[in-house]
Amino acid sequence: MADITRSALLLGDDTNSKYHPLQAVEQEIIGVFQEHLHIRSTVDRTALEPAQLDSYDLCISYTDSWRVPVSPEQTAGLLAYVSGGGGLLVIHNGISLQARYELTQLAGAKFTGHPPYGPLAFTPAEGAEGHEIMQGIAAFEMDEEPYRFDFDPFTEKTVLLEYTHEGAKWPAAWAQEYGLGRVVYLMPGHHVHSFRHDVYRKLIVQSGLWAARRSSVEAAR
């Protein structure tokens, strides 16, 4: 059973989603955390407003609205939540929060586009093996969209995972501190099949629990 003393907010889009509706992957994400966190999912962005996030240990972004930014009040709420000690896990298209420039910095990078969907090989980044999130994470393969990013130059981040494409390695996951809080970005998540890969499921839960400042290694066993 989920630890009812720990909870997370999962935010996405459905009717306004052009590519990645929340309803397509919602139950898989809930299932990943079922032994660790109680998840409330919503498409209502007012959940980000000041004081709305305070009861959650983690916020998970799977938003898919690239041209419609969250409001200034919602931006302020998320920034205050994370900088005050909250955890943020951004999955795949959840980086569409970048529609607000302040949230581009919070996420650590800006999405710039991607080559066609196809098979990708993912490997732990050099020097990331000792990070708590990466404990027990081996190289794996899956079909995915090879997202490209411009890193925000003002945030210090640890690249955790890379993928190989067109003869080069590209960042696929990273973690960073933001004020008193923690942020993790994970690139895979294009469709429901991504969330059914055993290694990736382990990476998701360990990322979320690290961001929420819960022992990911102990809790994921």
C-alpha atoms as a PDB file:
ATOM      1  CA  MET A   1       0.000   0.000   0.000  1.00  0.00           C
ATOM      2  CA  ALA A   2       1.050   3.596  -0.581  1.00  0.00           C
ATOM      3  CA  ASP A   3       2.514   5.522   2.307  1.00  0.00           C
ATOM      4  CA  ILE A   4      -0.469   7.805   2.970  1.00  0.00           C
ATOM      5  CA  THR A   5       1.751  10.148   4.965  1.00  0.00           C
ATOM      6  CA  ARG A   6       3.565  10.967   1.701  1.00  0.00           C
ATOM      7  CA  SER A   7       1.830  12.394  -1.332  1.00  0.00           C
ATOM      8  CA  ALA A   8       2.531  13.836  -4.764  1.00  0.00           C
ATOM      9  CA  LEU A   9       0.690  16.024  -7.258  1.00  0.00           C
ATOM     10  CA  LEU A  10       0.745  14.852 -10.882  1.00  0.00           C
ATOM     11  CA  LEU A  11      -0.054  17.686 -13.304  1.00  0.00           C
ATOM     12  CA  GLY A  12      -0.757  17.242 -17.005  1.00  0.00           C
ATOM     13  CA  ASP A  13      -3.056  18.208 -19.855  1.00  0.00           C
ATOM     14  CA  ASP A  14      -5.789  16.355 -21.717  1.00  0.00           C
ATOM     15  CA  THR A  15      -8.087  18.401 -23.966  1.00  0.00           C
ATOM     16  CA  ASN A  16      -5.371  21.012 -24.504  1.00  0.00           C
ATOM     17  CA  SER A  17      -2.662  18.420 -25.107  1.00  0.00           C
ATOM     18  CA  LYS A  18      -1.411  18.242 -28.686  1.00  0.00           C
ATOM     19  CA  TYR A  19       0.957  15.293 -28.316  1.00  0.00           C
ATOM     20  CA  HIS A  20       0.995  13.754 -24.817  1.00  0.00           C
ATOM     21  CA  PRO A  21      -2.334  13.611 -22.947  1.00  0.00           C
ATOM     22  CA  LEU A  22      -2.055  12.856 -19.258  1.00  0.00           C
ATOM     23  CA  GLN A  23      -4.826  10.272 -19.380  1.00  0.00           C
ATOM     24  CA  ALA A  24      -2.683   8.054 -21.652  1.00  0.00           C
ATOM     25  CA  VAL A  25       0.010   7.522 -18.991  1.00  0.00           C
ATOM     26  CA  GLU A  26      -1.674   8.556 -15.738  1.00  0.00           C
ATOM     27  CA  GLN A  27      -2.263   5.070 -14.351  1.00  0.00           C
ATOM     28  CA  GLU A  28       1.260   3.957 -15.196  1.00  0.00           C
ATOM     29  CA  ILE A  29       2.793   6.865 -13.285  1.00  0.00           C
ATOM     30  CA  ILE A  30       0.486   6.234 -10.340  1.00  0.00           C
ATOM     31  CA  GLY A  31       1.499   2.572 -10.455  1.00  0.00           C
ATOM     32  CA  VAL A  32       5.213   3.382 -10.398  1.00  0.00           C
ATOM     33  CA  PHE A  33       4.798   5.133  -7.045  1.00  0.00           C
ATOM     34  CA  GLN A  34       2.039   2.999  -5.542  1.00  0.00           C
ATOM     35  CA  GLU A  35       4.282   1.558  -2.810  1.00  0.00           C
ATOM     36  CA  HIS A  36       5.775   4.920  -1.898  1.00  0.00           C
ATOM     37  CA  LEU A  37       3.489   7.901  -2.512  1.00  0.00           C
ATOM     38  CA  HIS A  38      -0.193   8.631  -2.811  1.00  0.00           C
ATOM     39  CA  ILE A  39      -0.651  10.539  -6.076  1.00  0.00           C
ATOM     40  CA  ARG A  40      -3.371  13.009  -6.894  1.00  0.00           C
ATOM     41  CA  SER A  41      -3.543  13.719 -10.629  1.00  0.00           C
ATOM     42  CA  THR A  42      -5.090  16.818 -12.129  1.00  0.00           C
ATOM     43  CA  VAL A  43      -5.210  18.999 -15.240  1.00  0.00           C
ATOM     44  CA  ASP A  44      -6.211  22.008 -13.141  1.00  0.00           C
ATOM     45  CA  ARG A  45      -3.242  24.366 -13.016  1.00  0.00           C
ATOM     46  CA  THR A  46      -4.648  26.285 -10.091  1.00  0.00           C
ATOM     47  CA  ALA A  47      -3.126  23.437  -8.053  1.00  0.00           C
ATOM     48  CA  LEU A  48       0.190  25.266  -8.527  1.00  0.00           C
ATOM     49  CA  GLU A  49      -0.935  28.464  -6.879  1.00  0.00           C
ATOM     50  CA  PRO A  50       0.621  29.579  -3.575  1.00  0.00           C
ATOM     51  CA  ALA A  51      -0.345  27.385  -0.606  1.00  0.00           C
ATOM     52  CA  GLN A  52      -1.918  24.720  -2.872  1.00  0.00           C
ATOM     53  CA  LEU A  53       1.309  22.712  -3.112  1.00  0.00           C
ATOM     54  CA  ASP A  54       2.277  22.880   0.547  1.00  0.00           C
ATOM     55  CA  SER A  55       0.678  19.554   1.461  1.00  0.00           C
ATOM     56  CA  TYR A  56       2.667  17.607  -1.166  1.00  0.00           C
ATOM     57  CA  ASP A  57       6.118  16.071  -0.898  1.00  0.00           C
ATOM     58  CA  LEU A  58       6.546  16.041  -4.675  1.00  0.00           C
ATOM     59  CA  CYS A  59       5.144  17.706  -7.786  1.00  0.00           C
ATOM     60  CA  ILE A  60       5.329  15.709 -11.049  1.00  0.00           C
ATOM     61  CA  SER A  61       5.018  17.642 -14.309  1.00  0.00           C
ATOM     62  CA  TYR A  62       3.711  15.876 -17.400  1.00  0.00           C
ATOM     63  CA  THR A  63       2.269  19.078 -18.851  1.00  0.00           C
ATOM     64  CA  ASP A  64       1.927  19.302 -22.628  1.00  0.00           C
ATOM     65  CA  SER A  65       1.039  22.906 -23.317  1.00  0.00           C
ATOM     66  CA  TRP A  66       3.947  24.511 -25.109  1.00  0.00           C
ATOM     67  CA  ARG A  67       2.400  27.840 -26.067  1.00  0.00           C
ATOM     68  CA  VAL A  68       0.087  28.481 -23.131  1.00  0.00           C
ATOM     69  CA  PRO A  69       2.138  29.366 -20.055  1.00  0.00           C
ATOM     70  CA  VAL A  70       0.956  28.875 -16.529  1.00  0.00           C
ATOM     71  CA  SER A  71      -0.192  32.100 -14.913  1.00  0.00           C
ATOM     72  CA  PRO A  72       2.122  34.411 -12.949  1.00  0.00           C
ATOM     73  CA  GLU A  73       0.404  33.242  -9.737  1.00  0.00           C
ATOM     74  CA  GLN A  74       0.955  29.587 -10.620  1.00  0.00           C
ATOM     75  CA  THR A  75       4.561  30.279 -11.584  1.00  0.00           C
ATOM     76  CA  ALA A  76       5.138  32.001  -8.255  1.00  0.00           C
ATOM     77  CA  GLY A  77       3.525  29.089  -6.440  1.00  0.00           C
ATOM     78  CA  LEU A  78       5.760  26.458  -8.046  1.00  0.00           C
ATOM     79  CA  LEU A  79       8.912  28.535  -7.598  1.00  0.00           C
ATOM     80  CA  ALA A  80       8.121  29.155  -3.934  1.00  0.00           C
ATOM     81  CA  TYR A  81       7.281  25.486  -3.376  1.00  0.00           C
ATOM     82  CA  VAL A  82      10.559  24.173  -4.795  1.00  0.00           C
ATOM     83  CA  SER A  83      12.820  26.905  -3.429  1.00  0.00           C
ATOM     84  CA  GLY A  84      11.244  26.363  -0.018  1.00  0.00           C
ATOM     85  CA  GLY A  85      12.151  22.675   0.026  1.00  0.00           C
ATOM     86  CA  GLY A  86       9.665  20.905  -2.257  1.00  0.00           C
ATOM     87  CA  GLY A  87      10.545  18.327  -4.892  1.00  0.00           C
ATOM     88  CA  LEU A  88       9.867  18.598  -8.626  1.00  0.00           C
ATOM     89  CA  LEU A  89      10.046  15.677 -11.071  1.00  0.00           C
ATOM     90  CA  VAL A  90       9.697  16.693 -14.729  1.00  0.00           C
ATOM     91  CA  ILE A  91       9.009  13.875 -17.187  1.00  0.00           C
ATOM     92  CA  HIS A  92       9.456  14.135 -20.978  1.00  0.00           C
ATOM     93  CA  ASN A  93       7.007  16.768 -22.270  1.00  0.00           C
ATOM     94  CA  GLY A  94       6.585  18.082 -18.732  1.00  0.00           C
ATOM     95  CA  ILE A  95       9.383  20.465 -19.639  1.00  0.00           C
ATOM     96  CA  SER A  96       6.712  22.441 -21.520  1.00  0.00           C
ATOM     97  CA  LEU A  97       6.649  24.468 -18.318  1.00  0.00           C
ATOM     98  CA  GLN A  98       9.325  26.405 -20.216  1.00  0.00           C
ATOM     99  CA  ALA A  99       6.511  28.493 -21.685  1.00  0.00           C
ATOM    100  CA  ARG A 100       7.357  30.642 -18.662  1.00  0.00           C
ATOM    101  CA  TYR A 101      11.018  31.664 -18.769  1.00  0.00           C
ATOM    102  CA  GLU A 102      11.277  31.464 -14.972  1.00  0.00           C
ATOM    103  CA  LEU A 103      10.330  27.803 -15.132  1.00  0.00           C
ATOM    104  CA  THR A 104      12.921  27.118 -17.831  1.00  0.00           C
ATOM    105  CA  GLN A 105      15.543  27.943 -15.231  1.00  0.00           C
ATOM    106  CA  LEU A 106      13.740  25.853 -12.624  1.00  0.00           C
ATOM    107  CA  ALA A 107      13.762  22.821 -14.950  1.00  0.00           C
ATOM    108  CA  GLY A 108      17.416  23.440 -15.809  1.00  0.00           C
ATOM    109  CA  ALA A 109      17.101  23.499 -19.601  1.00  0.00           C
ATOM    110  CA  LYS A 110      15.003  24.445 -22.599  1.00  0.00           C
ATOM    111  CA  PHE A 111      13.658  21.886 -25.067  1.00  0.00           C
ATOM    112  CA  THR A 112      14.728  22.793 -28.617  1.00  0.00           C
ATOM    113  CA  GLY A 113      13.254  19.967 -30.708  1.00  0.00           C
ATOM    114  CA  HIS A 114      13.905  16.346 -31.582  1.00  0.00           C
ATOM    115  CA  PRO A 115      14.791  14.083 -34.514  1.00  0.00           C
ATOM    116  CA  PRO A 116      12.322  11.298 -35.379  1.00  0.00           C
ATOM    117  CA  TYR A 117      11.172   8.746 -32.802  1.00  0.00           C
ATOM    118  CA  GLY A 118      13.190   5.533 -32.810  1.00  0.00           C
ATOM    119  CA  PRO A 119      15.351   3.067 -30.841  1.00  0.00           C
ATOM    120  CA  LEU A 120      17.768   4.693 -28.398  1.00  0.00           C
ATOM    121  CA  ALA A 121      20.480   3.306 -26.135  1.00  0.00           C
ATOM    122  CA  PHE A 122      20.605   4.914 -22.671  1.00  0.00           C
ATOM    123  CA  THR A 123      23.667   4.736 -20.424  1.00  0.00           C
ATOM    124  CA  PRO A 124      24.578   6.243 -17.038  1.00  0.00           C
ATOM    125  CA  ALA A 125      26.514   9.465 -17.538  1.00  0.00           C
ATOM    126  CA  GLU A 126      30.198   9.501 -16.634  1.00  0.00           C
ATOM    127  CA  GLY A 127      30.601  10.239 -12.951  1.00  0.00           C
ATOM    128  CA  ALA A 128      26.898   9.734 -12.164  1.00  0.00           C
ATOM    129  CA  GLU A 129      27.200   6.165 -10.859  1.00  0.00           C
ATOM    130  CA  GLY A 130      27.556   7.338  -7.274  1.00  0.00           C
ATOM    131  CA  HIS A 131      24.436   9.490  -7.295  1.00  0.00           C
ATOM    132  CA  GLU A 132      21.623   8.135  -5.131  1.00  0.00           C
ATOM    133  CA  ILE A 133      19.170   8.250  -8.044  1.00  0.00           C
ATOM    134  CA  MET A 134      21.382   5.990 -10.163  1.00  0.00           C
ATOM    135  CA  GLN A 135      21.851   3.151  -7.684  1.00  0.00           C
ATOM    136  CA  GLY A 136      21.103  -0.117  -9.496  1.00  0.00           C
ATOM    137  CA  ILE A 137      20.415   1.621 -12.824  1.00  0.00           C
ATOM    138  CA  ALA A 138      22.097  -0.191 -15.709  1.00  0.00           C
ATOM    139  CA  ALA A 139      22.237   0.682 -19.396  1.00  0.00           C
ATOM    140  CA  PHE A 140      18.973   0.040 -21.242  1.00  0.00           C
ATOM    141  CA  GLU A 141      17.296   0.499 -24.614  1.00  0.00           C
ATOM    142  CA  MET A 142      13.856   1.710 -25.607  1.00  0.00           C
ATOM    143  CA  ASP A 143      12.094   3.446 -28.479  1.00  0.00           C
ATOM    144  CA  GLU A 144      11.799   7.135 -27.675  1.00  0.00           C
ATOM    145  CA  GLU A 145      11.829  10.693 -28.968  1.00  0.00           C
ATOM    146  CA  PRO A 146      15.448  11.961 -28.822  1.00  0.00           C
ATOM    147  CA  TYR A 147      14.821  15.308 -27.160  1.00  0.00           C
ATOM    148  CA  ARG A 148      17.473  18.006 -27.495  1.00  0.00           C
ATOM    149  CA  PHE A 149      18.048  20.800 -24.973  1.00  0.00           C
ATOM    150  CA  ASP A 150      19.846  24.035 -24.301  1.00  0.00           C
ATOM    151  CA  PHE A 151      21.054  23.949 -20.697  1.00  0.00           C
ATOM    152  CA  ASP A 152      20.376  26.916 -18.471  1.00  0.00           C
ATOM    153  CA  PRO A 153      23.826  28.386 -17.688  1.00  0.00           C
ATOM    154  CA  PHE A 154      22.902  29.621 -14.221  1.00  0.00           C
ATOM    155  CA  THR A 155      21.990  26.326 -12.567  1.00  0.00           C
ATOM    156  CA  GLU A 156      24.495  23.683 -11.486  1.00  0.00           C
ATOM    157  CA  LYS A 157      23.187  20.281 -12.461  1.00  0.00           C
ATOM    158  CA  THR A 158      24.378  16.677 -12.479  1.00  0.00           C
ATOM    159  CA  VAL A 159      23.748  14.815 -15.729  1.00  0.00           C
ATOM    160  CA  LEU A 160      22.597  11.336 -14.724  1.00  0.00           C
ATOM    161  CA  LEU A 161      21.747   9.614 -17.994  1.00  0.00           C
ATOM    162  CA  GLU A 162      22.725   9.987 -21.643  1.00  0.00           C
ATOM    163  CA  TYR A 163      21.487   8.524 -24.898  1.00  0.00           C
ATOM    164  CA  THR A 164      23.413   7.833 -28.080  1.00  0.00           C
ATOM    165  CA  HIS A 165      22.091   9.224 -31.350  1.00  0.00           C
ATOM    166  CA  GLU A 166      23.752  10.136 -34.641  1.00  0.00           C
ATOM    167  CA  GLY A 167      27.153   9.161 -33.267  1.00  0.00           C
ATOM    168  CA  ALA A 168      27.012  11.477 -30.258  1.00  0.00           C
ATOM    169  CA  LYS A 169      25.890  11.358 -26.637  1.00  0.00           C
ATOM    170  CA  TRP A 170      23.073  13.632 -25.466  1.00  0.00           C
ATOM    171  CA  PRO A 171      21.742  14.330 -21.964  1.00  0.00           C
ATOM    172  CA  ALA A 172      18.643  12.327 -21.061  1.00  0.00           C
ATOM    173  CA  ALA A 173      18.290  13.011 -17.323  1.00  0.00           C
ATOM    174  CA  TRP A 174      19.704  15.416 -14.774  1.00  0.00           C
ATOM    175  CA  ALA A 175      19.273  16.499 -11.171  1.00  0.00           C
ATOM    176  CA  GLN A 176      19.837  19.815  -9.438  1.00  0.00           C
ATOM    177  CA  GLU A 177      19.275  21.705  -6.219  1.00  0.00           C
ATOM    178  CA  TYR A 178      17.061  24.794  -6.385  1.00  0.00           C
ATOM    179  CA  GLY A 179      17.067  26.825  -3.205  1.00  0.00           C
ATOM    180  CA  LEU A 180      16.114  24.342  -0.503  1.00  0.00           C
ATOM    181  CA  GLY A 181      14.403  22.044  -3.006  1.00  0.00           C
ATOM    182  CA  ARG A 182      15.380  19.456  -5.583  1.00  0.00           C
ATOM    183  CA  VAL A 183      14.547  19.049  -9.273  1.00  0.00           C
ATOM    184  CA  VAL A 184      14.952  16.029 -11.574  1.00  0.00           C
ATOM    185  CA  TYR A 185      14.303  15.868 -15.306  1.00  0.00           C
ATOM    186  CA  LEU A 186      13.805  12.550 -17.155  1.00  0.00           C
ATOM    187  CA  MET A 187      13.606  12.576 -20.940  1.00  0.00           C
ATOM    188  CA  PRO A 188      11.802   9.278 -21.709  1.00  0.00           C
ATOM    189  CA  GLY A 189       8.011   9.252 -21.504  1.00  0.00           C
ATOM    190  CA  HIS A 190       6.607   9.673 -25.006  1.00  0.00           C
ATOM    191  CA  HIS A 191       3.898   7.052 -24.542  1.00  0.00           C
ATOM    192  CA  VAL A 192       2.608   4.402 -22.174  1.00  0.00           C
ATOM    193  CA  HIS A 193       5.158   1.780 -23.259  1.00  0.00           C
ATOM    194  CA  SER A 194       8.016   3.876 -21.885  1.00  0.00           C
ATOM    195  CA  PHE A 195       6.518   3.642 -18.399  1.00  0.00           C
ATOM    196  CA  ARG A 196       6.386  -0.161 -18.587  1.00  0.00           C
ATOM    197  CA  HIS A 197      10.152  -0.620 -18.954  1.00  0.00           C
ATOM    198  CA  ASP A 198      11.481  -2.110 -15.714  1.00  0.00           C
ATOM    199  CA  VAL A 199      14.728  -0.140 -15.579  1.00  0.00           C
ATOM    200  CA  TYR A 200      13.010   3.115 -16.411  1.00  0.00           C
ATOM    201  CA  ARG A 201      10.332   2.506 -13.794  1.00  0.00           C
ATOM    202  CA  LYS A 202      13.085   2.104 -11.210  1.00  0.00           C
ATOM    203  CA  LEU A 203      14.711   5.315 -12.401  1.00  0.00           C
ATOM    204  CA  ILE A 204      11.406   7.206 -12.143  1.00  0.00           C
ATOM    205  CA  VAL A 205      10.693   6.135  -8.583  1.00  0.00           C
ATOM    206  CA  GLN A 206      14.248   6.770  -7.390  1.00  0.00           C
ATOM    207  CA  SER A 207      14.204  10.202  -9.019  1.00  0.00           C
ATOM    208  CA  GLY A 208      10.896  11.129  -7.429  1.00  0.00           C
ATOM    209  CA  LEU A 209      11.887   9.940  -3.988  1.00  0.00           C
ATOM    210  CA  TRP A 210      15.240  11.739  -4.168  1.00  0.00           C
ATOM    211  CA  ALA A 211      13.479  14.964  -5.130  1.00  0.00           C
ATOM    212  CA  ALA A 212      11.061  14.449  -2.247  1.00  0.00           C
ATOM    213  CA  ARG A 213      14.040  13.884   0.101  1.00  0.00           C
ATOM    214  CA  ARG A 214      13.053  10.342   0.906  1.00  0.00           C
ATOM    215  CA  SER A 215      15.648   7.581   0.785  1.00  0.00           C
ATOM    216  CA  SER A 216      15.161   6.298  -2.756  1.00  0.00           C
ATOM    217  CA  VAL A 217      17.482   3.321  -2.340  1.00  0.00           C
ATOM    218  CA  GLU A 218      15.720   1.983   0.768  1.00  0.00           C
ATOM    219  CA  ALA A 219      12.210   2.821  -0.393  1.00  0.00           C
ATOM    220  CA  ALA A 220      12.636   1.272  -3.841  1.00  0.00           C
ATOM    221  CA  ARG A 221      13.718  -2.121  -2.563  1.00  0.00           C
END
